[in-house]
């Protein structure tokens, strides 16, 4: 089985940032509290049924506090989706970096296993409200907001492209890799509708089932 060279963007690490002051750290923490509360409520109740007062209460803030950080509820929704994609990309880069640091070249199949497992963790693991909100509330964004989120989504999915192409070249993936990528993401993303932690298979089990579904065994 041919090994695959991981694209540089797949394993890059975040650069260091200047040390923040205490006030800046506190302000950033409050913003993160708002994003987490908004993501949870948008997922549970829907964007239309959730008020900024609900979000402020869930974050332990006064009712007007969200407007210090965000212009309106729509801006908060866009920020939740952008935060979700940034978190997903960071987790993906970390997972690929960890997989590549064991000293052995990874096969394309192994790379896809890492990508699928990480994507399921993003969708179904701890603090997994952000990406499902993007799946549910996409139409609530403005065109400009959708463009910004789409840019991050394309960067995230770009890591998958050489992996799927290598699997197609080896005969393990049949059909057009671009269409396969869309169908794989569609199948994985749908798991947010039916997965119940503790009552169904583990994320590792889902990962192996996905590989069996999408790929042929190598010749």
N, C-alpha and C. Protein backbone atom coordinates (compact mmCIF):
# COMPACT_ATOMS: atom_id res chain seq x y z
N UNK A 1 0.85 -1.18 0.00
CA UNK A 1 0.00 0.00 0.00
C UNK A 1 0.89 1.25 0.00
N UNK A 2 0.63 2.19 -0.89
CA UNK A 2 1.45 3.37 -1.00
C UNK A 2 1.23 4.31 0.18
N UNK A 3 2.36 4.85 0.68
CA UNK A 3 2.25 5.86 1.73
C UNK A 3 1.90 7.19 1.09
N UNK A 4 1.37 8.09 1.88
CA UNK A 4 0.98 9.40 1.37
C UNK A 4 1.74 10.47 2.13
N UNK A 5 2.17 11.48 1.40
CA UNK A 5 2.82 12.63 2.02
C UNK A 5 1.74 13.62 2.43
N UNK A 6 1.69 13.93 3.71
CA UNK A 6 0.65 14.83 4.19
C UNK A 6 0.91 16.24 3.69
N UNK A 7 -0.13 16.95 3.24
CA UNK A 7 0.05 18.33 2.84
C UNK A 7 0.48 19.18 4.01
N UNK A 8 1.34 20.21 3.78
CA UNK A 8 1.86 21.01 4.89
C UNK A 8 0.75 21.59 5.77
N UNK A 9 -0.36 22.04 5.17
CA UNK A 9 -1.43 22.64 5.95
C UNK A 9 -2.09 21.65 6.89
N UNK A 10 -1.92 20.36 6.62
CA UNK A 10 -2.58 19.35 7.45
C UNK A 10 -1.92 19.23 8.81
N UNK A 11 -0.66 19.58 8.91
CA UNK A 11 0.07 19.35 10.15
C UNK A 11 0.67 20.62 10.73
N UNK A 12 0.37 21.76 10.14
CA UNK A 12 0.96 23.00 10.65
C UNK A 12 0.42 23.28 12.04
N UNK A 13 1.24 23.91 12.86
CA UNK A 13 0.86 24.23 14.22
C UNK A 13 0.64 25.73 14.32
N UNK A 14 -0.24 26.11 15.24
CA UNK A 14 -0.53 27.53 15.42
C UNK A 14 0.71 28.27 15.90
N UNK A 15 0.93 29.46 15.36
CA UNK A 15 2.06 30.27 15.78
C UNK A 15 1.77 30.90 17.14
N UNK A 16 2.84 31.22 17.85
CA UNK A 16 2.67 31.86 19.13
C UNK A 16 2.07 33.25 18.99
N UNK A 17 1.33 33.66 20.00
CA UNK A 17 0.70 34.97 20.00
C UNK A 17 1.25 35.80 21.15
N UNK A 18 1.22 37.12 21.02
CA UNK A 18 1.68 37.96 22.13
C UNK A 18 0.87 37.68 23.39
N UNK A 19 1.54 37.76 24.54
CA UNK A 19 0.87 37.51 25.82
C UNK A 19 -0.19 38.58 26.07
N UNK A 20 -1.38 38.17 26.47
CA UNK A 20 -2.48 39.10 26.68
C UNK A 20 -2.45 39.65 28.10
N UNK A 21 -3.01 40.86 28.24
CA UNK A 21 -3.17 41.43 29.57
C UNK A 21 -4.31 40.71 30.29
N UNK A 22 -4.42 40.95 31.61
CA UNK A 22 -5.49 40.32 32.39
C UNK A 22 -6.86 40.74 31.87
N UNK A 23 -7.02 42.02 31.53
CA UNK A 23 -8.31 42.49 31.01
C UNK A 23 -8.63 41.85 29.68
N UNK A 24 -7.63 41.70 28.82
CA UNK A 24 -7.87 41.08 27.52
C UNK A 24 -8.23 39.61 27.68
N UNK A 25 -7.58 38.92 28.62
CA UNK A 25 -7.92 37.51 28.85
C UNK A 25 -9.34 37.38 29.38
N UNK A 26 -9.72 38.26 30.29
CA UNK A 26 -11.06 38.21 30.85
C UNK A 26 -12.10 38.50 29.78
N UNK A 27 -11.83 39.50 28.94
CA UNK A 27 -12.76 39.83 27.86
C UNK A 27 -12.88 38.67 26.89
N UNK A 28 -11.75 38.03 26.57
CA UNK A 28 -11.79 36.88 25.67
C UNK A 28 -12.55 35.72 26.27
N UNK A 29 -12.41 35.53 27.59
CA UNK A 29 -13.14 34.45 28.25
C UNK A 29 -14.64 34.69 28.21
N UNK A 30 -15.05 35.94 28.42
CA UNK A 30 -16.49 36.25 28.36
C UNK A 30 -17.03 36.02 26.95
N UNK A 31 -16.25 36.37 25.96
CA UNK A 31 -16.68 36.14 24.58
C UNK A 31 -16.83 34.64 24.32
N UNK A 32 -15.88 33.86 24.82
CA UNK A 32 -15.97 32.41 24.64
C UNK A 32 -17.17 31.84 25.38
N UNK A 33 -17.45 32.37 26.56
CA UNK A 33 -18.64 31.93 27.30
C UNK A 33 -19.91 32.18 26.48
N UNK A 34 -19.97 33.35 25.85
CA UNK A 34 -21.13 33.68 25.01
C UNK A 34 -21.23 32.74 23.82
N UNK A 35 -20.10 32.46 23.18
CA UNK A 35 -20.12 31.58 22.01
C UNK A 35 -20.57 30.18 22.39
N UNK A 36 -20.07 29.67 23.51
CA UNK A 36 -20.47 28.32 23.94
C UNK A 36 -21.96 28.28 24.28
N UNK A 37 -22.43 29.30 25.00
CA UNK A 37 -23.84 29.33 25.37
C UNK A 37 -24.71 29.47 24.13
N UNK A 38 -24.31 30.34 23.21
CA UNK A 38 -25.08 30.53 21.98
C UNK A 38 -25.11 29.25 21.15
N UNK A 39 -23.97 28.59 21.02
CA UNK A 39 -23.93 27.36 20.24
C UNK A 39 -24.86 26.31 20.83
N UNK A 40 -24.84 26.18 22.15
CA UNK A 40 -25.69 25.17 22.80
C UNK A 40 -27.17 25.48 22.59
N UNK A 41 -27.55 26.76 22.78
CA UNK A 41 -28.96 27.12 22.65
C UNK A 41 -29.42 27.11 21.20
N UNK A 42 -28.58 27.58 20.28
CA UNK A 42 -28.95 27.54 18.87
C UNK A 42 -29.18 26.09 18.42
N UNK A 43 -28.36 25.18 18.95
CA UNK A 43 -28.53 23.77 18.57
C UNK A 43 -29.78 23.18 19.22
N UNK A 44 -30.02 23.49 20.48
CA UNK A 44 -31.15 22.89 21.20
C UNK A 44 -32.49 23.50 20.80
N UNK A 45 -32.54 24.82 20.66
CA UNK A 45 -33.80 25.52 20.46
C UNK A 45 -34.00 26.05 19.06
N UNK A 46 -32.91 26.19 18.30
CA UNK A 46 -32.98 26.82 16.99
C UNK A 46 -32.66 28.30 17.10
N UNK A 47 -32.15 28.86 16.02
CA UNK A 47 -31.74 30.27 16.01
C UNK A 47 -32.94 31.19 16.24
N UNK A 48 -34.04 30.96 15.54
CA UNK A 48 -35.19 31.85 15.62
C UNK A 48 -35.79 31.87 17.02
N UNK A 49 -35.77 30.74 17.71
CA UNK A 49 -36.42 30.64 19.02
C UNK A 49 -35.52 31.06 20.17
N UNK A 50 -34.29 31.41 19.89
CA UNK A 50 -33.35 31.79 20.94
C UNK A 50 -33.14 33.30 20.93
N UNK A 51 -33.29 33.93 22.07
CA UNK A 51 -33.08 35.38 22.18
C UNK A 51 -31.71 35.67 22.76
N UNK A 52 -31.24 36.89 22.55
CA UNK A 52 -29.97 37.28 23.16
C UNK A 52 -30.09 37.27 24.69
N UNK A 53 -31.29 37.53 25.20
CA UNK A 53 -31.50 37.45 26.65
C UNK A 53 -31.28 36.01 27.13
N UNK A 54 -31.77 35.03 26.37
CA UNK A 54 -31.54 33.62 26.72
C UNK A 54 -30.05 33.31 26.77
N UNK A 55 -29.33 33.81 25.76
CA UNK A 55 -27.90 33.53 25.66
C UNK A 55 -27.14 34.18 26.81
N UNK A 56 -27.48 35.42 27.10
CA UNK A 56 -26.82 36.12 28.20
C UNK A 56 -27.05 35.38 29.52
N UNK A 57 -28.28 34.94 29.77
CA UNK A 57 -28.59 34.22 31.00
C UNK A 57 -27.81 32.91 31.08
N UNK A 58 -27.71 32.20 29.96
CA UNK A 58 -26.98 30.93 29.95
C UNK A 58 -25.50 31.14 30.19
N UNK A 59 -25.00 32.32 29.80
CA UNK A 59 -23.58 32.63 30.00
C UNK A 59 -23.32 33.32 31.33
N UNK A 60 -24.38 33.54 32.12
CA UNK A 60 -24.22 34.20 33.40
C UNK A 60 -23.94 35.68 33.29
N UNK A 61 -24.55 36.34 32.30
CA UNK A 61 -24.33 37.76 32.06
C UNK A 61 -25.63 38.53 32.10
N UNK A 62 -25.52 39.84 32.12
CA UNK A 62 -26.69 40.69 32.01
C UNK A 62 -27.24 40.63 30.60
N UNK A 63 -28.51 40.99 30.45
CA UNK A 63 -29.18 40.81 29.16
C UNK A 63 -28.56 41.61 28.03
N UNK A 64 -27.95 42.75 28.34
CA UNK A 64 -27.36 43.57 27.29
C UNK A 64 -25.92 43.25 26.99
N UNK A 65 -25.30 42.36 27.76
CA UNK A 65 -23.87 42.08 27.61
C UNK A 65 -23.48 41.53 26.24
N UNK A 66 -24.30 40.69 25.59
CA UNK A 66 -23.88 40.19 24.27
C UNK A 66 -23.59 41.29 23.27
N UNK A 67 -24.26 42.44 23.40
CA UNK A 67 -24.09 43.50 22.42
C UNK A 67 -22.77 44.25 22.60
N UNK A 68 -22.10 44.01 23.71
CA UNK A 68 -20.75 44.54 23.88
C UNK A 68 -19.78 43.80 22.97
N UNK A 69 -20.07 42.53 22.70
CA UNK A 69 -19.18 41.69 21.90
C UNK A 69 -19.66 41.51 20.46
N UNK A 70 -20.97 41.55 20.25
CA UNK A 70 -21.52 41.28 18.93
C UNK A 70 -22.60 42.31 18.61
N UNK A 71 -22.65 42.72 17.34
CA UNK A 71 -23.59 43.76 16.93
C UNK A 71 -25.04 43.34 17.11
N UNK A 72 -25.33 42.08 16.80
CA UNK A 72 -26.70 41.58 16.90
C UNK A 72 -26.66 40.06 16.96
N UNK A 73 -27.83 39.44 17.02
CA UNK A 73 -27.89 37.98 17.13
C UNK A 73 -27.35 37.30 15.89
N UNK A 74 -27.57 37.91 14.73
CA UNK A 74 -27.07 37.34 13.47
C UNK A 74 -25.54 37.31 13.47
N UNK A 75 -24.92 38.37 13.98
CA UNK A 75 -23.46 38.39 14.06
C UNK A 75 -22.95 37.33 15.03
N UNK A 76 -23.70 37.10 16.10
CA UNK A 76 -23.33 36.05 17.05
C UNK A 76 -23.44 34.68 16.41
N UNK A 77 -24.47 34.46 15.61
CA UNK A 77 -24.61 33.19 14.90
C UNK A 77 -23.42 32.95 13.97
N UNK A 78 -23.05 33.98 13.20
CA UNK A 78 -21.90 33.85 12.31
C UNK A 78 -20.63 33.56 13.09
N UNK A 79 -20.47 34.21 14.24
CA UNK A 79 -19.28 33.98 15.06
C UNK A 79 -19.24 32.55 15.58
N UNK A 80 -20.40 31.99 15.93
CA UNK A 80 -20.46 30.60 16.37
C UNK A 80 -19.97 29.67 15.25
N UNK A 81 -20.41 29.92 14.03
CA UNK A 81 -20.01 29.06 12.92
C UNK A 81 -18.53 29.22 12.59
N UNK A 82 -18.04 30.46 12.61
CA UNK A 82 -16.62 30.69 12.36
C UNK A 82 -15.77 30.04 13.44
N UNK A 83 -16.20 30.17 14.69
CA UNK A 83 -15.50 29.53 15.79
C UNK A 83 -15.49 28.01 15.61
N UNK A 84 -16.63 27.47 15.18
CA UNK A 84 -16.71 26.04 14.96
C UNK A 84 -15.73 25.56 13.90
N UNK A 85 -15.63 26.28 12.79
CA UNK A 85 -14.72 25.88 11.73
C UNK A 85 -13.27 26.05 12.15
N UNK A 86 -12.97 27.11 12.90
CA UNK A 86 -11.60 27.30 13.38
C UNK A 86 -11.20 26.19 14.35
N UNK A 87 -12.13 25.82 15.23
CA UNK A 87 -11.85 24.72 16.16
C UNK A 87 -11.66 23.42 15.39
N UNK A 88 -12.52 23.18 14.42
CA UNK A 88 -12.43 21.94 13.63
C UNK A 88 -11.10 21.86 12.90
N UNK A 89 -10.67 22.97 12.30
CA UNK A 89 -9.40 22.97 11.58
C UNK A 89 -8.23 22.76 12.53
N UNK A 90 -8.30 23.38 13.69
CA UNK A 90 -7.23 23.20 14.67
C UNK A 90 -7.14 21.76 15.16
N UNK A 91 -8.27 21.16 15.43
CA UNK A 91 -8.30 19.76 15.87
C UNK A 91 -7.79 18.85 14.76
N UNK A 92 -8.19 19.15 13.53
CA UNK A 92 -7.77 18.31 12.41
C UNK A 92 -6.25 18.39 12.22
N UNK A 93 -5.71 19.59 12.27
CA UNK A 93 -4.26 19.75 12.14
C UNK A 93 -3.54 19.01 13.26
N UNK A 94 -4.08 19.10 14.48
CA UNK A 94 -3.47 18.40 15.60
C UNK A 94 -3.51 16.90 15.44
N UNK A 95 -4.64 16.38 14.96
CA UNK A 95 -4.78 14.94 14.77
C UNK A 95 -3.82 14.43 13.69
N UNK A 96 -3.70 15.18 12.60
CA UNK A 96 -2.80 14.77 11.53
C UNK A 96 -1.35 14.89 11.96
N UNK A 97 -1.04 15.92 12.73
CA UNK A 97 0.32 16.08 13.24
C UNK A 97 0.69 14.91 14.16
N UNK A 98 -0.23 14.55 15.04
CA UNK A 98 0.04 13.44 15.95
C UNK A 98 0.23 12.14 15.19
N UNK A 99 -0.60 11.93 14.17
CA UNK A 99 -0.49 10.70 13.38
C UNK A 99 0.82 10.64 12.61
N UNK A 100 1.29 11.80 12.17
CA UNK A 100 2.51 11.84 11.36
C UNK A 100 3.78 11.81 12.21
N UNK A 101 3.66 11.98 13.52
CA UNK A 101 4.84 12.10 14.38
C UNK A 101 5.28 10.77 14.98
N UNK A 102 4.65 9.67 14.57
CA UNK A 102 5.02 8.37 15.12
C UNK A 102 6.22 7.75 14.40
N UNK A 103 6.71 8.41 13.35
CA UNK A 103 7.92 7.93 12.69
C UNK A 103 7.68 7.01 11.51
N UNK A 104 6.43 6.61 11.27
CA UNK A 104 6.13 5.74 10.15
C UNK A 104 5.26 6.49 9.14
N UNK A 105 5.55 6.25 7.86
CA UNK A 105 4.74 6.89 6.82
C UNK A 105 3.33 6.32 6.87
N UNK A 106 2.36 7.18 6.75
CA UNK A 106 0.96 6.76 6.80
C UNK A 106 0.47 6.39 5.41
N UNK A 107 -0.32 5.33 5.34
CA UNK A 107 -1.01 5.03 4.10
C UNK A 107 -2.16 6.00 3.93
N UNK A 108 -2.65 6.11 2.71
CA UNK A 108 -3.80 6.98 2.46
C UNK A 108 -5.00 6.51 3.27
N UNK A 109 -5.13 5.21 3.44
CA UNK A 109 -6.24 4.68 4.22
C UNK A 109 -6.13 5.10 5.69
N UNK A 110 -4.91 5.06 6.22
CA UNK A 110 -4.69 5.49 7.59
C UNK A 110 -4.99 6.99 7.74
N UNK A 111 -4.61 7.77 6.74
CA UNK A 111 -4.90 9.21 6.79
C UNK A 111 -6.41 9.44 6.82
N UNK A 112 -7.14 8.72 5.99
CA UNK A 112 -8.58 8.89 5.98
C UNK A 112 -9.18 8.47 7.32
N UNK A 113 -8.63 7.43 7.92
CA UNK A 113 -9.12 7.00 9.24
C UNK A 113 -8.95 8.14 10.26
N UNK A 114 -7.81 8.80 10.25
CA UNK A 114 -7.57 9.92 11.16
C UNK A 114 -8.56 11.05 10.90
N UNK A 115 -8.76 11.37 9.61
CA UNK A 115 -9.65 12.47 9.25
C UNK A 115 -11.10 12.17 9.63
N UNK A 116 -11.55 10.96 9.36
CA UNK A 116 -12.93 10.59 9.68
C UNK A 116 -13.13 10.58 11.19
N UNK A 117 -12.18 9.99 11.93
CA UNK A 117 -12.32 9.92 13.39
C UNK A 117 -12.35 11.31 14.00
N UNK A 118 -11.49 12.19 13.51
CA UNK A 118 -11.49 13.55 14.03
C UNK A 118 -12.78 14.28 13.69
N UNK A 119 -13.29 14.09 12.47
CA UNK A 119 -14.52 14.77 12.09
C UNK A 119 -15.69 14.30 12.95
N UNK A 120 -15.74 13.03 13.25
CA UNK A 120 -16.79 12.53 14.14
C UNK A 120 -16.65 13.12 15.54
N UNK A 121 -15.42 13.30 16.00
CA UNK A 121 -15.21 13.93 17.30
C UNK A 121 -15.68 15.38 17.29
N UNK A 122 -15.41 16.07 16.19
CA UNK A 122 -15.87 17.45 16.05
C UNK A 122 -17.39 17.53 16.09
N UNK A 123 -18.05 16.56 15.45
CA UNK A 123 -19.51 16.55 15.37
C UNK A 123 -20.18 16.06 16.64
N UNK A 124 -19.56 15.08 17.31
CA UNK A 124 -20.26 14.34 18.35
C UNK A 124 -19.57 14.33 19.71
N UNK A 125 -18.36 14.86 19.78
CA UNK A 125 -17.60 14.82 21.02
C UNK A 125 -17.92 15.97 21.94
N UNK A 126 -17.00 16.25 22.86
CA UNK A 126 -17.19 17.33 23.84
C UNK A 126 -17.29 18.68 23.13
N UNK A 127 -18.17 19.54 23.62
CA UNK A 127 -18.39 20.87 23.06
C UNK A 127 -18.60 20.79 21.55
N UNK A 128 -19.50 19.91 21.15
CA UNK A 128 -19.72 19.65 19.73
C UNK A 128 -20.93 20.38 19.17
N UNK A 129 -21.35 21.47 19.79
CA UNK A 129 -22.53 22.18 19.32
C UNK A 129 -22.25 23.06 18.11
N UNK A 130 -21.01 23.48 17.93
CA UNK A 130 -20.70 24.52 16.95
C UNK A 130 -20.99 24.09 15.51
N UNK A 131 -20.45 22.95 15.08
CA UNK A 131 -20.64 22.53 13.69
C UNK A 131 -22.08 22.12 13.41
N UNK A 132 -22.77 21.40 14.29
CA UNK A 132 -24.19 21.14 14.04
C UNK A 132 -25.01 22.41 13.84
N UNK A 133 -24.68 23.48 14.58
CA UNK A 133 -25.39 24.75 14.35
C UNK A 133 -25.18 25.21 12.91
N UNK A 134 -23.97 25.05 12.41
CA UNK A 134 -23.71 25.42 11.03
C UNK A 134 -24.55 24.59 10.07
N UNK A 135 -24.71 23.32 10.36
CA UNK A 135 -25.50 22.45 9.49
C UNK A 135 -26.98 22.81 9.54
N UNK A 136 -27.47 23.19 10.73
CA UNK A 136 -28.90 23.48 10.89
C UNK A 136 -29.29 24.87 10.42
N UNK A 137 -28.43 25.85 10.67
CA UNK A 137 -28.81 27.26 10.54
C UNK A 137 -28.09 27.99 9.41
N UNK A 138 -27.61 27.25 8.44
CA UNK A 138 -26.85 27.84 7.34
C UNK A 138 -27.61 28.95 6.62
N UNK A 139 -28.91 28.76 6.42
CA UNK A 139 -29.69 29.74 5.68
C UNK A 139 -29.93 31.03 6.45
N UNK A 140 -29.65 31.04 7.73
CA UNK A 140 -29.86 32.24 8.53
C UNK A 140 -28.72 33.25 8.38
N UNK A 141 -27.64 32.86 7.72
CA UNK A 141 -26.52 33.76 7.49
C UNK A 141 -26.77 34.67 6.30
N UNK A 142 -26.13 35.82 6.31
CA UNK A 142 -26.12 36.68 5.12
C UNK A 142 -25.14 36.12 4.10
N UNK A 143 -25.19 36.63 2.88
CA UNK A 143 -24.26 36.17 1.84
C UNK A 143 -22.82 36.41 2.25
N UNK A 144 -22.54 37.55 2.84
CA UNK A 144 -21.18 37.86 3.26
C UNK A 144 -20.73 36.91 4.36
N UNK A 145 -21.60 36.64 5.31
CA UNK A 145 -21.26 35.72 6.39
C UNK A 145 -21.03 34.31 5.86
N UNK A 146 -21.88 33.87 4.92
CA UNK A 146 -21.70 32.54 4.33
C UNK A 146 -20.36 32.44 3.61
N UNK A 147 -19.98 33.50 2.95
CA UNK A 147 -18.71 33.49 2.23
C UNK A 147 -17.53 33.30 3.20
N UNK A 148 -17.58 33.97 4.34
CA UNK A 148 -16.51 33.85 5.32
C UNK A 148 -16.44 32.43 5.90
N UNK A 149 -17.60 31.86 6.22
CA UNK A 149 -17.62 30.50 6.75
C UNK A 149 -17.18 29.51 5.69
N UNK A 150 -17.62 29.74 4.46
CA UNK A 150 -17.26 28.84 3.36
C UNK A 150 -15.76 28.80 3.12
N UNK A 151 -15.11 29.93 3.30
CA UNK A 151 -13.66 29.97 3.11
C UNK A 151 -12.97 29.04 4.09
N UNK A 152 -13.39 29.07 5.34
CA UNK A 152 -12.81 28.17 6.34
C UNK A 152 -13.18 26.71 6.07
N UNK A 153 -14.41 26.49 5.62
CA UNK A 153 -14.83 25.12 5.31
C UNK A 153 -13.99 24.54 4.18
N UNK A 154 -13.73 25.35 3.15
CA UNK A 154 -12.91 24.86 2.04
C UNK A 154 -11.50 24.53 2.49
N UNK A 155 -10.93 25.34 3.38
CA UNK A 155 -9.60 25.05 3.90
C UNK A 155 -9.60 23.74 4.68
N UNK A 156 -10.65 23.52 5.45
CA UNK A 156 -10.76 22.28 6.22
C UNK A 156 -10.85 21.07 5.30
N UNK A 157 -11.69 21.15 4.30
CA UNK A 157 -11.90 20.02 3.40
C UNK A 157 -10.73 19.81 2.45
N UNK A 158 -9.92 20.86 2.21
CA UNK A 158 -8.79 20.73 1.29
C UNK A 158 -7.80 19.67 1.75
N UNK A 159 -7.70 19.46 3.06
CA UNK A 159 -6.79 18.44 3.58
C UNK A 159 -7.20 17.05 3.13
N UNK A 160 -8.48 16.85 2.90
CA UNK A 160 -8.99 15.55 2.48
C UNK A 160 -8.71 15.25 1.01
N UNK A 161 -8.51 16.27 0.20
CA UNK A 161 -8.44 16.10 -1.25
C UNK A 161 -7.30 15.17 -1.67
N UNK A 162 -6.03 15.41 -1.26
CA UNK A 162 -4.96 14.50 -1.70
C UNK A 162 -5.12 13.09 -1.15
N UNK A 163 -5.74 12.96 0.02
CA UNK A 163 -5.95 11.63 0.62
C UNK A 163 -6.93 10.84 -0.24
N UNK A 164 -8.05 11.46 -0.60
CA UNK A 164 -9.04 10.76 -1.42
C UNK A 164 -8.50 10.49 -2.82
N UNK A 165 -7.71 11.41 -3.34
CA UNK A 165 -7.12 11.18 -4.66
C UNK A 165 -6.17 9.98 -4.63
N UNK A 166 -5.37 9.87 -3.57
CA UNK A 166 -4.46 8.73 -3.44
C UNK A 166 -5.23 7.42 -3.32
N UNK A 167 -6.34 7.45 -2.60
CA UNK A 167 -7.17 6.24 -2.47
C UNK A 167 -7.81 5.88 -3.80
N UNK A 168 -8.19 6.88 -4.58
CA UNK A 168 -8.73 6.62 -5.92
C UNK A 168 -7.67 6.02 -6.82
N UNK A 169 -6.45 6.56 -6.73
CA UNK A 169 -5.36 6.06 -7.58
C UNK A 169 -5.01 4.62 -7.24
N UNK A 170 -5.16 4.24 -5.97
CA UNK A 170 -4.84 2.87 -5.56
C UNK A 170 -6.00 1.90 -5.82
N UNK A 171 -7.14 2.42 -6.24
CA UNK A 171 -8.30 1.58 -6.49
C UNK A 171 -9.16 1.31 -5.27
N UNK A 172 -8.80 1.88 -4.12
CA UNK A 172 -9.58 1.67 -2.90
C UNK A 172 -10.84 2.53 -2.85
N UNK A 173 -10.83 3.63 -3.57
CA UNK A 173 -11.98 4.52 -3.65
C UNK A 173 -12.44 4.57 -5.09
N UNK A 174 -13.66 4.13 -5.32
CA UNK A 174 -14.19 4.15 -6.68
C UNK A 174 -14.98 5.44 -6.90
N UNK A 175 -15.05 5.84 -8.15
CA UNK A 175 -15.79 7.05 -8.46
C UNK A 175 -14.92 8.29 -8.34
N UNK A 176 -15.51 9.41 -8.69
CA UNK A 176 -14.80 10.69 -8.69
C UNK A 176 -14.49 11.13 -7.26
N UNK A 177 -13.22 11.44 -6.94
CA UNK A 177 -12.88 11.84 -5.56
C UNK A 177 -13.63 13.07 -5.08
N UNK A 178 -13.90 14.02 -5.97
CA UNK A 178 -14.61 15.23 -5.55
C UNK A 178 -16.04 14.91 -5.13
N UNK A 179 -16.71 14.06 -5.90
CA UNK A 179 -18.06 13.65 -5.52
C UNK A 179 -18.04 12.79 -4.27
N UNK A 180 -17.03 11.93 -4.18
CA UNK A 180 -16.91 11.08 -3.00
C UNK A 180 -16.74 11.93 -1.75
N UNK A 181 -15.96 13.00 -1.84
CA UNK A 181 -15.76 13.88 -0.68
C UNK A 181 -17.09 14.47 -0.23
N UNK A 182 -17.88 14.94 -1.17
CA UNK A 182 -19.18 15.52 -0.81
C UNK A 182 -20.10 14.49 -0.16
N UNK A 183 -20.09 13.28 -0.69
CA UNK A 183 -20.96 12.24 -0.16
C UNK A 183 -20.47 11.75 1.20
N UNK A 184 -19.16 11.68 1.38
CA UNK A 184 -18.62 11.27 2.68
C UNK A 184 -19.00 12.29 3.76
N UNK A 185 -18.82 13.56 3.46
CA UNK A 185 -19.19 14.58 4.44
C UNK A 185 -20.68 14.56 4.71
N UNK A 186 -21.48 14.34 3.67
CA UNK A 186 -22.92 14.26 3.88
C UNK A 186 -23.29 13.12 4.83
N UNK A 187 -22.67 11.97 4.63
CA UNK A 187 -22.97 10.82 5.48
C UNK A 187 -22.50 11.05 6.92
N UNK A 188 -21.29 11.57 7.08
CA UNK A 188 -20.76 11.80 8.42
C UNK A 188 -21.58 12.87 9.15
N UNK A 189 -21.88 13.95 8.45
CA UNK A 189 -22.62 15.05 9.10
C UNK A 189 -24.02 14.62 9.55
N UNK A 190 -24.61 13.68 8.85
CA UNK A 190 -25.95 13.22 9.22
C UNK A 190 -25.96 12.50 10.56
N UNK A 191 -24.78 12.07 11.01
CA UNK A 191 -24.71 11.37 12.30
C UNK A 191 -25.20 12.24 13.45
N UNK A 192 -25.16 13.56 13.30
CA UNK A 192 -25.66 14.43 14.38
C UNK A 192 -27.15 14.24 14.60
N UNK A 193 -27.85 13.67 13.62
CA UNK A 193 -29.29 13.47 13.73
C UNK A 193 -29.65 12.21 14.51
N UNK A 194 -28.77 11.22 14.51
CA UNK A 194 -29.17 9.95 15.10
C UNK A 194 -28.24 9.39 16.17
N UNK A 195 -27.01 9.92 16.27
CA UNK A 195 -26.06 9.35 17.23
C UNK A 195 -26.48 9.68 18.66
N UNK A 196 -26.46 8.66 19.53
CA UNK A 196 -26.78 8.82 20.94
C UNK A 196 -25.62 8.25 21.76
N UNK A 197 -24.83 9.11 22.39
CA UNK A 197 -23.69 8.62 23.19
C UNK A 197 -24.13 7.60 24.23
N UNK A 198 -23.39 6.52 24.33
CA UNK A 198 -23.68 5.51 25.33
C UNK A 198 -24.71 4.49 24.92
N UNK A 199 -25.47 4.76 23.84
CA UNK A 199 -26.51 3.83 23.42
C UNK A 199 -26.21 3.19 22.07
N UNK A 200 -25.25 3.75 21.37
CA UNK A 200 -24.86 3.18 20.09
C UNK A 200 -23.36 2.91 20.09
N UNK A 201 -22.83 2.60 18.93
CA UNK A 201 -21.40 2.29 18.82
C UNK A 201 -20.55 3.50 19.20
N UNK A 202 -19.30 3.24 19.53
CA UNK A 202 -18.36 4.30 19.87
C UNK A 202 -17.94 5.03 18.60
N UNK A 203 -17.25 6.15 18.77
CA UNK A 203 -16.76 6.89 17.60
C UNK A 203 -15.72 6.07 16.84
N UNK A 204 -14.95 5.26 17.54
CA UNK A 204 -14.01 4.36 16.85
C UNK A 204 -14.77 3.35 16.00
N UNK A 205 -15.86 2.81 16.53
CA UNK A 205 -16.68 1.87 15.77
C UNK A 205 -17.26 2.55 14.53
N UNK A 206 -17.76 3.78 14.70
CA UNK A 206 -18.31 4.51 13.56
C UNK A 206 -17.24 4.78 12.51
N UNK A 207 -16.04 5.07 12.96
CA UNK A 207 -14.95 5.32 12.01
C UNK A 207 -14.67 4.10 11.16
N UNK A 208 -14.56 2.94 11.79
CA UNK A 208 -14.28 1.72 11.03
C UNK A 208 -15.44 1.37 10.10
N UNK A 209 -16.66 1.58 10.56
CA UNK A 209 -17.83 1.32 9.70
C UNK A 209 -17.81 2.24 8.49
N UNK A 210 -17.41 3.50 8.69
CA UNK A 210 -17.35 4.44 7.57
C UNK A 210 -16.31 4.01 6.56
N UNK A 211 -15.14 3.58 7.03
CA UNK A 211 -14.10 3.13 6.10
C UNK A 211 -14.56 1.91 5.31
N UNK A 212 -15.24 1.00 5.98
CA UNK A 212 -15.75 -0.18 5.28
C UNK A 212 -16.80 0.20 4.24
N UNK A 213 -17.57 1.22 4.55
CA UNK A 213 -18.62 1.65 3.63
C UNK A 213 -18.05 2.37 2.42
N UNK A 214 -17.04 3.22 2.63
CA UNK A 214 -16.55 4.08 1.57
C UNK A 214 -15.46 3.44 0.72
N UNK A 215 -14.68 2.51 1.31
CA UNK A 215 -13.47 2.01 0.64
C UNK A 215 -13.54 0.52 0.37
N UNK A 216 -12.86 0.12 -0.70
CA UNK A 216 -12.61 -1.29 -0.96
C UNK A 216 -11.32 -1.68 -0.25
N UNK A 217 -11.18 -2.97 0.03
CA UNK A 217 -9.92 -3.45 0.56
C UNK A 217 -8.85 -3.36 -0.54
N UNK A 218 -7.62 -2.97 -0.17
CA UNK A 218 -6.56 -2.86 -1.20
C UNK A 218 -6.28 -4.20 -1.84
N UNK A 219 -5.91 -4.14 -3.09
CA UNK A 219 -5.62 -5.38 -3.84
C UNK A 219 -4.34 -6.01 -3.34
